[in-house]
Protein backbone atom coordinates (compact mmCIF):
# COMPACT_ATOMS: atom_id res chain seq x y z
CA UNK A 1 238.37 117.37 -125.34
CA UNK A 2 238.22 113.68 -125.10
CA UNK A 3 238.81 111.50 -128.12
CA UNK A 4 235.33 110.49 -128.77
CA UNK A 5 234.61 114.54 -129.51
CA UNK A 6 237.50 114.92 -132.05
CA UNK A 7 236.00 111.24 -133.76
CA UNK A 8 232.64 113.10 -133.61
CA UNK A 9 234.21 115.93 -135.24
CA UNK A 10 235.73 113.88 -137.94
CA UNK A 11 233.00 111.76 -139.11
CA UNK A 12 230.92 114.95 -139.34
CA UNK A 13 233.71 116.82 -140.86
CA UNK A 14 233.75 113.99 -143.74
CA UNK A 15 229.89 113.49 -144.35
CA UNK A 16 230.09 117.35 -145.07
CA UNK A 17 232.52 116.66 -147.52
CA UNK A 18 230.70 113.88 -149.07
CA UNK A 19 232.69 111.66 -148.02
CA UNK A 20 232.73 108.34 -144.94
CA UNK A 21 234.64 107.86 -142.06
CA UNK A 22 234.13 104.13 -141.24
CA UNK A 23 235.16 102.59 -138.13
CA UNK A 24 238.00 100.65 -139.04
CA UNK A 25 238.82 97.05 -137.35
CA UNK A 26 240.93 94.38 -138.44
CA UNK A 27 240.69 91.42 -136.77
CA UNK A 28 243.64 89.74 -136.00
CA UNK A 29 245.79 92.82 -136.83
CA UNK A 30 246.79 95.08 -133.84
CA UNK A 31 247.64 98.72 -134.40
CA UNK A 32 245.08 99.42 -137.00
CA UNK A 33 244.09 103.30 -137.35
CA UNK A 34 240.98 104.19 -135.85
CA UNK A 35 239.17 105.21 -138.58
CA UNK A 36 239.14 104.55 -142.66
CA UNK A 37 238.06 107.94 -144.56
CA UNK A 38 236.96 107.89 -147.65
CA UNK A 39 236.25 111.15 -149.89
CA UNK A 40 234.58 111.76 -153.19
CA UNK A 41 237.01 111.07 -156.33
CA UNK A 42 238.56 107.99 -154.61
CA UNK A 43 240.69 109.51 -151.79
CA UNK A 44 240.99 106.68 -149.38
CA UNK A 45 242.92 107.21 -146.30
CA UNK A 46 243.38 106.08 -142.43
CA UNK A 47 243.44 108.02 -139.51
CA UNK A 48 243.95 107.12 -135.84
CA UNK A 49 242.27 109.53 -133.61
CA UNK A 50 243.57 110.66 -129.82
CA UNK A 51 242.91 112.66 -126.77
CA UNK A 52 244.38 116.09 -127.22
CA UNK A 53 248.32 115.37 -125.88
CA UNK A 54 248.02 111.75 -126.55
CA UNK A 55 250.39 109.70 -128.96
CA UNK A 56 249.67 106.58 -130.18
CA UNK A 57 251.01 103.35 -129.18
CA UNK A 58 253.93 101.32 -130.73
CA UNK A 59 251.97 99.12 -132.69
CA UNK A 60 249.87 102.12 -134.12
CA UNK A 61 253.29 104.03 -134.79
CA UNK A 62 254.47 100.66 -136.59
CA UNK A 63 250.92 100.33 -138.49
CA UNK A 64 251.25 103.99 -139.82
CA UNK A 65 254.57 103.72 -141.08
CA UNK A 66 253.42 100.60 -143.17
CA UNK A 67 250.79 102.30 -144.58
CA UNK A 68 253.40 105.17 -145.57
CA UNK A 69 255.55 102.18 -147.46
CA UNK A 70 252.24 101.38 -149.22
CA UNK A 71 251.86 104.87 -149.96
CA UNK A 72 248.79 105.37 -148.20
CA UNK A 73 247.58 108.54 -146.59
CA UNK A 74 248.20 107.38 -142.88
CA UNK A 75 248.15 110.38 -139.61
CA UNK A 76 247.50 110.85 -136.22
CA UNK A 77 245.30 113.52 -135.35
CA UNK A 78 244.84 114.78 -131.44
CA UNK A 79 242.91 118.39 -131.92
CA UNK A 80 240.37 119.53 -134.71
CA UNK A 81 242.48 121.43 -136.19
CA UNK A 82 244.79 118.29 -137.12
CA UNK A 83 241.87 116.45 -138.36
CA UNK A 84 241.06 119.41 -141.02
CA UNK A 85 244.83 119.23 -141.76
CA UNK A 86 244.66 115.64 -142.43
CA UNK A 87 241.17 116.31 -144.56
CA UNK A 88 242.93 119.28 -146.78
CA UNK A 89 246.02 116.72 -147.35
CA UNK A 90 244.18 114.15 -148.34
CA UNK A 91 241.18 115.73 -150.74
CA UNK A 92 244.87 117.08 -152.42
CA UNK A 93 245.44 113.52 -152.82
CA UNK A 94 248.70 113.77 -150.81
CA UNK A 95 249.81 110.37 -149.92
CA UNK A 96 251.68 111.91 -146.67
CA UNK A 97 249.32 114.30 -144.90
CA UNK A 98 251.30 117.19 -142.95
CA UNK A 99 249.62 116.68 -139.68
CA UNK A 100 250.57 115.11 -136.79
CA UNK A 101 252.97 112.44 -138.38
CA UNK A 102 255.74 114.16 -135.83
CA UNK A 103 254.37 112.59 -133.23
CA UNK A 104 255.45 109.10 -135.20
CA UNK A 105 259.35 110.60 -134.81
CA UNK A 106 259.57 110.13 -131.13
CA UNK A 107 258.88 107.39 -129.05
CA UNK A 108 255.17 106.15 -129.33
CA UNK A 109 253.59 106.13 -125.56
CA UNK A 110 250.28 106.78 -124.20
């Protein structure tokens, strides 16, 4: 499965939930997560998408940690199941998802 397929899965799942998964681009700020996820009830988070088994680059892991420091729900997903875990966590309002964040504990690389 490619990253694009996981990204499409995210966009479709979020739409089914009544939300939006906007492509997130921040000129001049490298490593920002791929998607800004907005769910009903004002639940907002960030998600970096990867192909299965791929890890975030060092600057991506750094940005996610920065978002955690601001108490934002930010994570990495490399499977459909990880996307579902992230969305379940975000929909409950959890600031720190239980999804793929373990990918950030090791040295980030691609």
